[in-house]
């Protein structure tokens, strides 16, 4: 009966999840604990039809001072591109999460509950020689203390244009971030030069 209920729910447009649904789930997700030190990610991007378009791996490293953190990410895509992101994060005592990054328009906002985080933001991505702003809806689920699953949908004009599935593993919570931080800075500087040169 439970499986039938789940299947029926999946067919109903109005049956959607809320982050509060996971309030009792453990282990409890804390960004300043999971995204501390070094990590490794593996992901697949799919278009609106579900067709795989890109694969990637990523190196991550996070540093925190109290509830404020910096998360450095370097992405290696299957088409040869190497990109970076530097998240500036804040985790509130009530589980509210805010974040900014150079390729994020405005501020990302979300809420932690149990083993999950839901947050949403507008991402500016390169597209056809220019840029395109897409709305990102991000669900993160902590599986155990070292492993997290991230499911993302991207939308434009309210229509889903892509899905992303990502697994993240924390490697060493006490790792030094200096090397990855430097790599992120170098990639960001290179991207700025290329933008000014019209590349």
N, C-alpha and C. Protein backbone atom coordinates (compact mmCIF):
# COMPACT_ATOMS: atom_id res chain seq x y z
N UNK A 1 0.83 -1.20 0.00
CA UNK A 1 0.00 0.00 0.00
C UNK A 1 0.86 1.25 0.00
N UNK A 2 1.98 1.20 0.76
CA UNK A 2 2.86 2.36 0.81
C UNK A 2 3.43 2.66 -0.58
N UNK A 3 3.85 1.62 -1.32
CA UNK A 3 4.39 1.82 -2.65
C UNK A 3 3.34 2.39 -3.59
N UNK A 4 2.09 1.93 -3.45
CA UNK A 4 1.02 2.46 -4.27
C UNK A 4 0.77 3.93 -3.97
N UNK A 5 0.86 4.28 -2.68
CA UNK A 5 0.66 5.68 -2.28
C UNK A 5 1.75 6.56 -2.86
N UNK A 6 2.99 6.07 -2.82
CA UNK A 6 4.12 6.82 -3.38
C UNK A 6 3.94 7.01 -4.87
N UNK A 7 3.53 5.94 -5.56
CA UNK A 7 3.34 6.02 -7.00
C UNK A 7 2.21 7.00 -7.35
N UNK A 8 1.12 6.93 -6.58
CA UNK A 8 0.01 7.85 -6.83
C UNK A 8 0.43 9.28 -6.59
N UNK A 9 1.20 9.49 -5.54
CA UNK A 9 1.68 10.83 -5.20
C UNK A 9 2.53 11.39 -6.33
N UNK A 10 3.36 10.54 -6.91
CA UNK A 10 4.25 10.98 -7.99
C UNK A 10 3.47 11.44 -9.21
N UNK A 11 2.25 10.94 -9.38
CA UNK A 11 1.44 11.31 -10.53
C UNK A 11 0.66 12.60 -10.31
N UNK A 12 0.60 13.06 -9.09
CA UNK A 12 -0.18 14.25 -8.77
C UNK A 12 0.70 15.48 -8.82
N UNK A 13 0.28 16.47 -9.56
CA UNK A 13 1.05 17.70 -9.71
C UNK A 13 1.25 18.38 -8.36
N UNK A 14 0.22 18.35 -7.51
CA UNK A 14 0.28 19.08 -6.25
C UNK A 14 1.06 18.38 -5.16
N UNK A 15 1.57 17.19 -5.42
CA UNK A 15 2.26 16.43 -4.38
C UNK A 15 3.75 16.70 -4.49
N UNK A 16 4.25 17.72 -3.81
CA UNK A 16 5.66 18.10 -3.90
C UNK A 16 6.28 18.06 -2.51
N UNK A 17 7.61 17.92 -2.49
CA UNK A 17 8.30 17.80 -1.21
C UNK A 17 8.57 19.17 -0.61
N UNK A 18 8.68 19.19 0.70
CA UNK A 18 9.09 20.36 1.46
C UNK A 18 10.32 19.97 2.27
N UNK A 19 11.24 20.91 2.46
CA UNK A 19 12.43 20.59 3.23
C UNK A 19 12.07 20.16 4.65
N UNK A 20 10.94 20.63 5.16
CA UNK A 20 10.51 20.26 6.51
C UNK A 20 10.11 18.78 6.60
N UNK A 21 9.90 18.15 5.44
CA UNK A 21 9.58 16.72 5.43
C UNK A 21 10.71 15.89 6.03
N UNK A 22 11.93 16.46 6.06
CA UNK A 22 13.11 15.71 6.46
C UNK A 22 13.63 16.11 7.85
N UNK A 23 12.81 16.80 8.59
CA UNK A 23 13.22 17.32 9.89
C UNK A 23 13.72 16.23 10.84
N UNK A 24 13.13 15.05 10.75
CA UNK A 24 13.50 13.96 11.68
C UNK A 24 14.59 13.06 11.12
N UNK A 25 15.05 13.33 9.89
CA UNK A 25 16.04 12.46 9.26
C UNK A 25 17.45 12.74 9.80
N UNK A 26 18.21 11.68 9.97
CA UNK A 26 19.59 11.78 10.42
C UNK A 26 20.49 11.02 9.45
N UNK A 27 21.80 11.34 9.42
CA UNK A 27 22.49 12.34 10.23
C UNK A 27 22.10 13.76 9.82
N UNK A 28 22.16 14.68 10.77
CA UNK A 28 21.78 16.06 10.52
C UNK A 28 22.85 16.75 9.67
N UNK A 29 22.41 17.43 8.61
CA UNK A 29 23.32 18.13 7.72
C UNK A 29 23.68 19.51 8.28
N UNK A 30 24.97 19.75 8.41
CA UNK A 30 25.49 21.07 8.76
C UNK A 30 26.53 21.42 7.71
N UNK A 31 26.34 22.52 6.99
CA UNK A 31 27.29 22.87 5.93
C UNK A 31 28.68 23.13 6.50
N UNK A 32 28.74 23.75 7.66
CA UNK A 32 30.06 24.09 8.22
C UNK A 32 30.80 22.85 8.73
N UNK A 33 30.10 21.73 8.83
CA UNK A 33 30.76 20.47 9.18
C UNK A 33 31.09 19.66 7.93
N UNK A 34 30.12 19.52 7.02
CA UNK A 34 30.36 18.70 5.84
C UNK A 34 31.31 19.38 4.85
N UNK A 35 31.13 20.68 4.64
CA UNK A 35 31.97 21.39 3.68
C UNK A 35 33.15 22.06 4.38
N UNK A 36 33.76 21.34 5.28
CA UNK A 36 35.00 21.76 5.93
C UNK A 36 36.13 20.89 5.40
N UNK A 37 37.25 21.53 5.06
CA UNK A 37 38.37 20.77 4.53
C UNK A 37 38.11 20.33 3.10
N UNK A 38 38.80 19.26 2.68
CA UNK A 38 38.78 18.86 1.28
C UNK A 38 37.64 17.90 0.96
N UNK A 39 37.22 17.93 -0.31
CA UNK A 39 36.18 17.03 -0.78
C UNK A 39 36.34 16.74 -2.25
N UNK A 40 35.61 15.74 -2.74
CA UNK A 40 35.64 15.36 -4.15
C UNK A 40 34.21 15.14 -4.60
N UNK A 41 33.91 15.60 -5.82
CA UNK A 41 32.55 15.46 -6.35
C UNK A 41 32.59 14.83 -7.74
N UNK A 42 31.50 14.13 -8.08
CA UNK A 42 31.33 13.51 -9.39
C UNK A 42 29.91 13.80 -9.85
N UNK A 43 29.77 14.29 -11.09
CA UNK A 43 28.44 14.69 -11.53
C UNK A 43 28.15 14.40 -12.98
N UNK A 44 26.84 14.38 -13.29
CA UNK A 44 26.34 14.20 -14.65
C UNK A 44 25.26 15.24 -14.89
N UNK A 45 25.36 15.93 -16.04
CA UNK A 45 24.37 16.92 -16.45
C UNK A 45 23.52 16.32 -17.56
N UNK A 46 22.19 16.51 -17.44
CA UNK A 46 21.26 16.00 -18.46
C UNK A 46 20.40 17.14 -18.98
N UNK A 47 20.04 17.08 -20.26
CA UNK A 47 19.16 18.11 -20.81
C UNK A 47 17.71 17.82 -20.44
N UNK A 48 16.80 18.64 -20.96
CA UNK A 48 15.39 18.53 -20.58
C UNK A 48 14.76 17.20 -20.98
N UNK A 49 15.41 16.51 -21.95
CA UNK A 49 14.89 15.20 -22.39
C UNK A 49 15.43 14.06 -21.54
N UNK A 50 16.38 14.37 -20.64
CA UNK A 50 17.01 13.34 -19.82
C UNK A 50 18.28 12.79 -20.44
N UNK A 51 18.72 13.36 -21.57
CA UNK A 51 19.91 12.88 -22.24
C UNK A 51 21.17 13.46 -21.58
N UNK A 52 22.13 12.60 -21.31
CA UNK A 52 23.40 13.04 -20.73
C UNK A 52 24.11 13.99 -21.70
N UNK A 53 24.53 15.15 -21.19
CA UNK A 53 25.24 16.11 -22.04
C UNK A 53 26.67 16.35 -21.57
N UNK A 54 26.92 16.26 -20.27
CA UNK A 54 28.26 16.49 -19.72
C UNK A 54 28.47 15.63 -18.50
N UNK A 55 29.74 15.26 -18.28
CA UNK A 55 30.17 14.65 -17.02
C UNK A 55 31.26 15.54 -16.43
N UNK A 56 31.43 15.46 -15.14
CA UNK A 56 32.50 16.25 -14.55
C UNK A 56 32.92 15.69 -13.19
N UNK A 57 34.12 16.06 -12.80
CA UNK A 57 34.57 15.86 -11.43
C UNK A 57 34.91 17.23 -10.87
N UNK A 58 35.00 17.32 -9.55
CA UNK A 58 35.33 18.60 -8.94
C UNK A 58 36.13 18.38 -7.67
N UNK A 59 37.08 19.28 -7.44
CA UNK A 59 37.80 19.35 -6.17
C UNK A 59 37.19 20.47 -5.35
N UNK A 60 36.97 20.22 -4.05
CA UNK A 60 36.36 21.20 -3.17
C UNK A 60 37.22 21.37 -1.92
N UNK A 61 37.15 22.56 -1.34
CA UNK A 61 37.78 22.78 -0.04
C UNK A 61 37.07 23.94 0.65
N UNK A 62 36.75 23.74 1.93
CA UNK A 62 36.01 24.75 2.67
C UNK A 62 36.73 25.20 3.92
N UNK A 63 36.60 26.50 4.20
CA UNK A 63 37.17 27.11 5.42
C UNK A 63 36.05 27.86 6.13
N UNK A 64 35.98 27.73 7.46
CA UNK A 64 34.91 28.36 8.24
C UNK A 64 35.48 29.14 9.42
N UNK A 65 34.85 30.28 9.66
CA UNK A 65 35.07 31.06 10.88
C UNK A 65 33.70 31.23 11.52
N UNK A 66 33.41 30.41 12.52
CA UNK A 66 32.08 30.44 13.11
C UNK A 66 31.06 29.98 12.09
N UNK A 67 30.04 30.81 11.84
CA UNK A 67 28.97 30.47 10.90
C UNK A 67 29.21 30.99 9.49
N UNK A 68 30.36 31.60 9.24
CA UNK A 68 30.68 32.11 7.92
C UNK A 68 31.77 31.26 7.27
N UNK A 69 31.54 30.90 6.02
CA UNK A 69 32.49 30.01 5.36
C UNK A 69 32.80 30.40 3.93
N UNK A 70 33.93 29.92 3.45
CA UNK A 70 34.34 30.04 2.05
C UNK A 70 34.51 28.64 1.49
N UNK A 71 33.81 28.37 0.40
CA UNK A 71 33.91 27.07 -0.26
C UNK A 71 34.50 27.28 -1.64
N UNK A 72 35.64 26.65 -1.89
CA UNK A 72 36.34 26.78 -3.17
C UNK A 72 36.12 25.51 -3.98
N UNK A 73 35.75 25.69 -5.26
CA UNK A 73 35.42 24.56 -6.13
C UNK A 73 36.12 24.72 -7.48
N UNK A 74 36.73 23.64 -7.97
CA UNK A 74 37.29 23.60 -9.32
C UNK A 74 36.67 22.42 -10.04
N UNK A 75 36.06 22.69 -11.20
CA UNK A 75 35.32 21.69 -11.97
C UNK A 75 36.11 21.29 -13.22
N UNK A 76 36.15 19.98 -13.49
CA UNK A 76 36.81 19.43 -14.68
C UNK A 76 35.75 18.74 -15.53
N UNK A 77 35.37 19.36 -16.66
CA UNK A 77 34.28 18.86 -17.49
C UNK A 77 34.78 17.91 -18.57
N UNK A 78 33.89 17.02 -19.02
CA UNK A 78 34.26 16.02 -20.03
C UNK A 78 34.56 16.64 -21.39
N UNK A 79 34.16 17.90 -21.62
CA UNK A 79 34.48 18.57 -22.88
C UNK A 79 35.79 19.34 -22.81
N UNK A 80 36.53 19.19 -21.70
CA UNK A 80 37.84 19.80 -21.56
C UNK A 80 37.87 21.11 -20.80
N UNK A 81 36.71 21.68 -20.51
CA UNK A 81 36.67 22.94 -19.77
C UNK A 81 37.05 22.74 -18.30
N UNK A 82 37.71 23.74 -17.74
CA UNK A 82 38.00 23.79 -16.32
C UNK A 82 37.44 25.10 -15.79
N UNK A 83 36.54 25.01 -14.80
CA UNK A 83 35.89 26.21 -14.27
C UNK A 83 35.99 26.21 -12.75
N UNK A 84 35.73 27.38 -12.17
CA UNK A 84 35.84 27.54 -10.72
C UNK A 84 34.61 28.26 -10.16
N UNK A 85 34.42 28.08 -8.86
CA UNK A 85 33.41 28.87 -8.14
C UNK A 85 33.91 29.07 -6.71
N UNK A 86 33.71 30.26 -6.21
CA UNK A 86 34.04 30.57 -4.82
C UNK A 86 32.76 31.01 -4.13
N UNK A 87 32.23 30.10 -3.29
CA UNK A 87 31.03 30.41 -2.51
C UNK A 87 31.41 31.11 -1.21
N UNK A 88 30.69 32.16 -0.88
CA UNK A 88 30.77 32.81 0.43
C UNK A 88 29.46 32.51 1.14
N UNK A 89 29.55 31.68 2.18
CA UNK A 89 28.36 31.09 2.79
C UNK A 89 28.15 31.58 4.22
N UNK A 90 26.89 31.57 4.62
CA UNK A 90 26.56 31.83 6.03
C UNK A 90 25.47 30.87 6.45
N UNK A 91 25.70 30.21 7.59
CA UNK A 91 24.72 29.28 8.16
C UNK A 91 24.17 29.87 9.44
N UNK A 92 22.86 30.12 9.46
CA UNK A 92 22.22 30.69 10.63
C UNK A 92 21.88 29.64 11.68
N UNK A 93 21.66 30.11 12.90
CA UNK A 93 21.31 29.19 13.99
C UNK A 93 19.99 28.48 13.73
N UNK A 94 19.11 29.10 12.94
CA UNK A 94 17.81 28.51 12.62
C UNK A 94 17.86 27.63 11.37
N UNK A 95 19.08 27.40 10.84
CA UNK A 95 19.23 26.56 9.66
C UNK A 95 19.11 27.29 8.34
N UNK A 96 18.89 28.60 8.39
CA UNK A 96 18.84 29.36 7.14
C UNK A 96 20.25 29.47 6.54
N UNK A 97 20.33 29.32 5.24
CA UNK A 97 21.60 29.39 4.52
C UNK A 97 21.53 30.51 3.49
N UNK A 98 22.55 31.35 3.44
CA UNK A 98 22.68 32.32 2.37
C UNK A 98 24.06 32.18 1.75
N UNK A 99 24.17 32.57 0.48
CA UNK A 99 25.45 32.45 -0.19
C UNK A 99 25.56 33.37 -1.39
N UNK A 100 26.77 33.76 -1.70
CA UNK A 100 27.05 34.54 -2.90
C UNK A 100 28.25 33.94 -3.62
N UNK A 101 28.30 34.16 -4.93
CA UNK A 101 29.43 33.75 -5.75
C UNK A 101 29.46 34.67 -6.96
N UNK A 102 30.60 34.74 -7.63
CA UNK A 102 30.75 35.68 -8.73
C UNK A 102 29.80 35.39 -9.89
N UNK A 103 29.44 34.12 -10.11
CA UNK A 103 28.53 33.78 -11.20
C UNK A 103 27.09 33.56 -10.74
N UNK A 104 26.79 34.00 -9.50
CA UNK A 104 25.44 33.94 -8.97
C UNK A 104 24.86 35.35 -8.93
N UNK A 105 23.68 35.53 -9.50
CA UNK A 105 23.02 36.83 -9.54
C UNK A 105 22.28 37.04 -8.23
N UNK A 106 22.68 38.05 -7.46
CA UNK A 106 22.05 38.28 -6.17
C UNK A 106 22.54 37.28 -5.14
N UNK A 107 21.62 36.81 -4.29
CA UNK A 107 21.98 35.95 -3.16
C UNK A 107 21.23 34.63 -3.22
N UNK A 108 21.94 33.55 -3.00
CA UNK A 108 21.31 32.24 -2.85
C UNK A 108 20.70 32.15 -1.46
N UNK A 109 19.52 31.56 -1.36
CA UNK A 109 18.86 31.42 -0.07
C UNK A 109 18.28 30.03 0.08
N UNK A 110 18.40 29.49 1.30
CA UNK A 110 17.88 28.15 1.52
C UNK A 110 17.65 27.85 2.97
N UNK A 111 17.25 26.60 3.23
CA UNK A 111 16.91 26.17 4.58
C UNK A 111 17.37 24.74 4.80
N UNK A 112 18.08 24.52 5.91
CA UNK A 112 18.44 23.19 6.36
C UNK A 112 17.31 22.60 7.19
N UNK A 113 17.12 21.27 7.07
CA UNK A 113 16.17 20.58 7.93
C UNK A 113 16.54 19.11 7.94
N UNK A 114 16.88 18.58 9.11
CA UNK A 114 17.28 17.18 9.20
C UNK A 114 18.52 16.93 8.37
N UNK A 115 18.45 15.94 7.48
CA UNK A 115 19.61 15.59 6.64
C UNK A 115 19.60 16.32 5.30
N UNK A 116 18.74 17.32 5.14
CA UNK A 116 18.53 17.93 3.83
C UNK A 116 18.73 19.44 3.85
N UNK A 117 19.07 19.95 2.66
CA UNK A 117 19.08 21.39 2.40
C UNK A 117 18.37 21.62 1.08
N UNK A 118 17.45 22.58 1.07
CA UNK A 118 16.90 23.09 -0.19
C UNK A 118 17.30 24.54 -0.31
N UNK A 119 17.91 24.88 -1.46
CA UNK A 119 18.15 26.29 -1.69
C UNK A 119 18.01 26.61 -3.16
N UNK A 120 17.87 27.93 -3.45
CA UNK A 120 17.55 28.37 -4.79
C UNK A 120 18.34 29.63 -5.10
N UNK A 121 18.76 29.76 -6.37
CA UNK A 121 19.50 30.95 -6.78
C UNK A 121 19.48 31.06 -8.30
N UNK A 122 19.95 32.20 -8.79
CA UNK A 122 20.05 32.44 -10.23
C UNK A 122 21.52 32.36 -10.62
N UNK A 123 21.82 31.44 -11.53
CA UNK A 123 23.19 31.22 -11.97
C UNK A 123 23.39 31.80 -13.37
N UNK A 124 24.46 32.54 -13.56
CA UNK A 124 24.79 33.11 -14.87
C UNK A 124 25.82 32.20 -15.54
N UNK A 125 25.43 31.57 -16.64
CA UNK A 125 26.30 30.60 -17.29
C UNK A 125 26.68 31.08 -18.70
N UNK A 126 27.87 30.67 -19.20
CA UNK A 126 28.24 31.01 -20.58
C UNK A 126 27.29 30.32 -21.55
N UNK A 127 26.88 31.06 -22.59
CA UNK A 127 25.97 30.46 -23.57
C UNK A 127 26.09 31.16 -24.91
N UNK A 128 26.52 30.42 -25.94
CA UNK A 128 26.53 30.89 -27.31
C UNK A 128 27.23 32.24 -27.46
N UNK A 129 28.40 32.37 -26.85
CA UNK A 129 29.18 33.59 -26.94
C UNK A 129 28.74 34.70 -26.01
N UNK A 130 27.70 34.45 -25.22
CA UNK A 130 27.21 35.44 -24.26
C UNK A 130 26.96 34.73 -22.94
N UNK A 131 25.97 35.17 -22.19
CA UNK A 131 25.61 34.51 -20.93
C UNK A 131 24.11 34.30 -20.86
N UNK A 132 23.71 33.38 -20.01
CA UNK A 132 22.31 33.05 -19.82
C UNK A 132 22.06 32.89 -18.32
N UNK A 133 21.02 33.51 -17.81
CA UNK A 133 20.66 33.40 -16.40
C UNK A 133 19.61 32.30 -16.23
N UNK A 134 19.90 31.31 -15.40
CA UNK A 134 18.96 30.22 -15.14
C UNK A 134 18.70 30.12 -13.64
N UNK A 135 17.48 29.77 -13.30
CA UNK A 135 17.12 29.56 -11.90
C UNK A 135 17.49 28.14 -11.50
N UNK A 136 18.26 28.02 -10.43
CA UNK A 136 18.74 26.73 -9.95
C UNK A 136 17.98 26.35 -8.67
N UNK A 137 17.41 25.15 -8.67
CA UNK A 137 16.73 24.62 -7.49
C UNK A 137 17.52 23.41 -7.03
N UNK A 138 18.10 23.51 -5.85
CA UNK A 138 19.11 22.57 -5.36
C UNK A 138 18.59 21.80 -4.15
N UNK A 139 18.63 20.47 -4.23
CA UNK A 139 18.33 19.61 -3.08
C UNK A 139 19.59 18.83 -2.71
N UNK A 140 20.01 18.93 -1.46
CA UNK A 140 21.16 18.20 -0.96
C UNK A 140 20.70 17.26 0.15
N UNK A 141 21.15 16.00 0.10
CA UNK A 141 20.77 15.00 1.09
C UNK A 141 22.02 14.35 1.65
N UNK A 142 22.22 14.44 2.96
CA UNK A 142 23.37 13.80 3.60
C UNK A 142 23.06 12.32 3.81
N UNK A 143 23.87 11.46 3.21
CA UNK A 143 23.67 10.01 3.31
C UNK A 143 24.32 9.47 4.59
N UNK A 144 25.58 9.85 4.79
CA UNK A 144 26.26 9.59 6.05
C UNK A 144 27.22 10.77 6.26
N UNK A 145 28.04 10.72 7.29
CA UNK A 145 28.83 11.90 7.64
C UNK A 145 29.82 12.32 6.56
N UNK A 146 30.19 11.39 5.67
CA UNK A 146 31.18 11.72 4.63
C UNK A 146 30.60 11.79 3.22
N UNK A 147 29.32 11.47 3.04
CA UNK A 147 28.77 11.38 1.69
C UNK A 147 27.43 12.11 1.55
N UNK A 148 27.32 12.84 0.45
CA UNK A 148 26.13 13.66 0.20
C UNK A 148 25.72 13.51 -1.26
N UNK A 149 24.41 13.49 -1.50
CA UNK A 149 23.85 13.46 -2.85
C UNK A 149 23.17 14.79 -3.12
N UNK A 150 23.46 15.36 -4.28
CA UNK A 150 22.91 16.65 -4.69
C UNK A 150 22.11 16.45 -5.99
N UNK A 151 20.82 16.82 -5.95
CA UNK A 151 19.99 16.78 -7.16
C UNK A 151 19.55 18.20 -7.47
N UNK A 152 19.79 18.61 -8.71
CA UNK A 152 19.55 19.99 -9.10
C UNK A 152 18.70 20.04 -10.36
N UNK A 153 17.76 20.97 -10.40
CA UNK A 153 17.04 21.25 -11.64
C UNK A 153 17.27 22.72 -12.00
N UNK A 154 17.42 22.97 -13.31
CA UNK A 154 17.66 24.33 -13.81
C UNK A 154 16.48 24.75 -14.67
N UNK A 155 16.04 25.99 -14.47
CA UNK A 155 14.83 26.47 -15.12
C UNK A 155 15.06 27.81 -15.81
N UNK A 156 14.38 28.01 -16.94
CA UNK A 156 14.38 29.29 -17.63
C UNK A 156 12.94 29.60 -18.03
N UNK A 157 12.45 30.79 -17.65
CA UNK A 157 11.06 31.17 -17.89
C UNK A 157 10.09 30.15 -17.31
N UNK A 158 10.47 29.55 -16.17
CA UNK A 158 9.62 28.59 -15.49
C UNK A 158 9.64 27.20 -16.09
N UNK A 159 10.44 26.98 -17.14
CA UNK A 159 10.51 25.67 -17.80
C UNK A 159 11.83 25.00 -17.46
N UNK A 160 11.78 23.72 -17.09
CA UNK A 160 13.01 23.00 -16.77
C UNK A 160 13.82 22.77 -18.02
N UNK A 161 15.11 23.14 -17.96
CA UNK A 161 15.99 23.00 -19.12
C UNK A 161 17.10 21.97 -18.90
N UNK A 162 17.36 21.62 -17.64
CA UNK A 162 18.44 20.66 -17.37
C UNK A 162 18.31 20.11 -15.96
N UNK A 163 18.90 18.92 -15.76
CA UNK A 163 19.00 18.30 -14.44
C UNK A 163 20.46 17.96 -14.17
N UNK A 164 20.82 17.97 -12.90
CA UNK A 164 22.17 17.64 -12.49
C UNK A 164 22.11 16.68 -11.31
N UNK A 165 22.88 15.60 -11.39
CA UNK A 165 23.02 14.68 -10.26
C UNK A 165 24.48 14.65 -9.86
N UNK A 166 24.72 14.82 -8.57
CA UNK A 166 26.08 15.02 -8.08
C UNK A 166 26.27 14.27 -6.76
N UNK A 167 27.38 13.54 -6.65
CA UNK A 167 27.74 12.93 -5.37
C UNK A 167 28.99 13.63 -4.85
N UNK A 168 28.99 13.93 -3.56
CA UNK A 168 30.10 14.65 -2.94
C UNK A 168 30.59 13.85 -1.74
N UNK A 169 31.90 13.69 -1.64
CA UNK A 169 32.50 12.99 -0.51
C UNK A 169 33.47 13.93 0.21
N UNK A 170 33.31 14.02 1.51
CA UNK A 170 34.28 14.76 2.31
C UNK A 170 35.51 13.86 2.51
N UNK A 171 36.69 14.40 2.20
CA UNK A 171 37.91 13.61 2.28
C UNK A 171 38.65 13.83 3.59
N UNK A 172 38.96 15.09 3.91
CA UNK A 172 39.73 15.41 5.10
C UNK A 172 39.23 16.73 5.66
N UNK A 173 38.50 16.67 6.76
CA UNK A 173 37.88 17.87 7.35
C UNK A 173 38.91 18.88 7.83
N UNK A 174 40.17 18.45 8.01
CA UNK A 174 41.20 19.35 8.51
C UNK A 174 42.20 19.76 7.43
N UNK A 175 41.88 19.46 6.17
CA UNK A 175 42.80 19.75 5.08
C UNK A 175 42.99 21.26 4.91
N UNK A 176 44.17 21.64 4.47
CA UNK A 176 44.49 23.04 4.18
C UNK A 176 43.98 23.38 2.77
N UNK A 177 43.36 24.56 2.63
CA UNK A 177 42.75 24.95 1.36
C UNK A 177 43.63 25.85 0.50
N UNK A 178 44.85 26.12 0.93
CA UNK A 178 45.69 27.12 0.26
C UNK A 178 45.87 26.82 -1.23
N UNK A 179 46.20 25.59 -1.59
CA UNK A 179 46.48 25.24 -2.98
C UNK A 179 45.24 25.41 -3.86
N UNK A 180 44.08 24.92 -3.40
CA UNK A 180 42.87 25.03 -4.21
C UNK A 180 42.41 26.48 -4.28
N UNK A 181 42.58 27.21 -3.19
CA UNK A 181 42.23 28.64 -3.17
C UNK A 181 43.04 29.39 -4.23
N UNK A 182 44.31 29.06 -4.35
CA UNK A 182 45.17 29.70 -5.34
C UNK A 182 44.73 29.33 -6.75
N UNK A 183 44.38 28.07 -6.96
CA UNK A 183 43.91 27.63 -8.28
C UNK A 183 42.63 28.35 -8.67
N UNK A 184 41.71 28.51 -7.73
CA UNK A 184 40.46 29.23 -7.98
C UNK A 184 40.76 30.67 -8.38
N UNK A 185 41.68 31.32 -7.66
CA UNK A 185 42.03 32.71 -7.96
C UNK A 185 42.64 32.84 -9.36
N UNK A 186 43.49 31.90 -9.73
CA UNK A 186 44.13 31.94 -11.06
C UNK A 186 43.10 31.73 -12.17
N UNK A 187 42.19 30.78 -11.98
CA UNK A 187 41.15 30.54 -12.98
C UNK A 187 40.21 31.74 -13.11
N UNK A 188 39.90 32.38 -11.97
CA UNK A 188 39.03 33.55 -12.00
C UNK A 188 39.71 34.70 -12.74
N UNK A 189 41.01 34.90 -12.50
CA UNK A 189 41.75 35.96 -13.18
C UNK A 189 41.82 35.69 -14.68
N UNK A 190 42.03 34.44 -15.07
CA UNK A 190 42.08 34.07 -16.49
C UNK A 190 40.74 34.31 -17.15
N UNK A 191 39.64 33.98 -16.45
CA UNK A 191 38.31 34.18 -17.01
C UNK A 191 38.03 35.66 -17.21
N UNK A 192 38.48 36.50 -16.29
CA UNK A 192 38.29 37.95 -16.40
C UNK A 192 39.05 38.49 -17.62
N UNK A 193 40.27 38.03 -17.81
CA UNK A 193 41.06 38.47 -18.98
C UNK A 193 40.38 38.04 -20.28
N UNK A 194 39.91 36.81 -20.32
CA UNK A 194 39.24 36.32 -21.54
C UNK A 194 37.96 37.09 -21.83
N UNK A 195 37.23 37.47 -20.77
CA UNK A 195 35.99 38.23 -20.94
C UNK A 195 36.31 39.62 -21.53
N UNK A 196 37.34 40.25 -21.00
CA UNK A 196 37.72 41.58 -21.50
C UNK A 196 38.22 41.51 -22.93
N UNK A 197 38.83 40.37 -23.29
CA UNK A 197 39.35 40.20 -24.64
C UNK A 197 38.26 39.74 -25.61
N UNK A 198 37.07 39.48 -25.08
CA UNK A 198 35.96 39.07 -25.92
C UNK A 198 35.99 37.62 -26.33
N UNK A 199 36.74 36.81 -25.58
CA UNK A 199 36.81 35.37 -25.89
C UNK A 199 35.68 34.60 -25.25
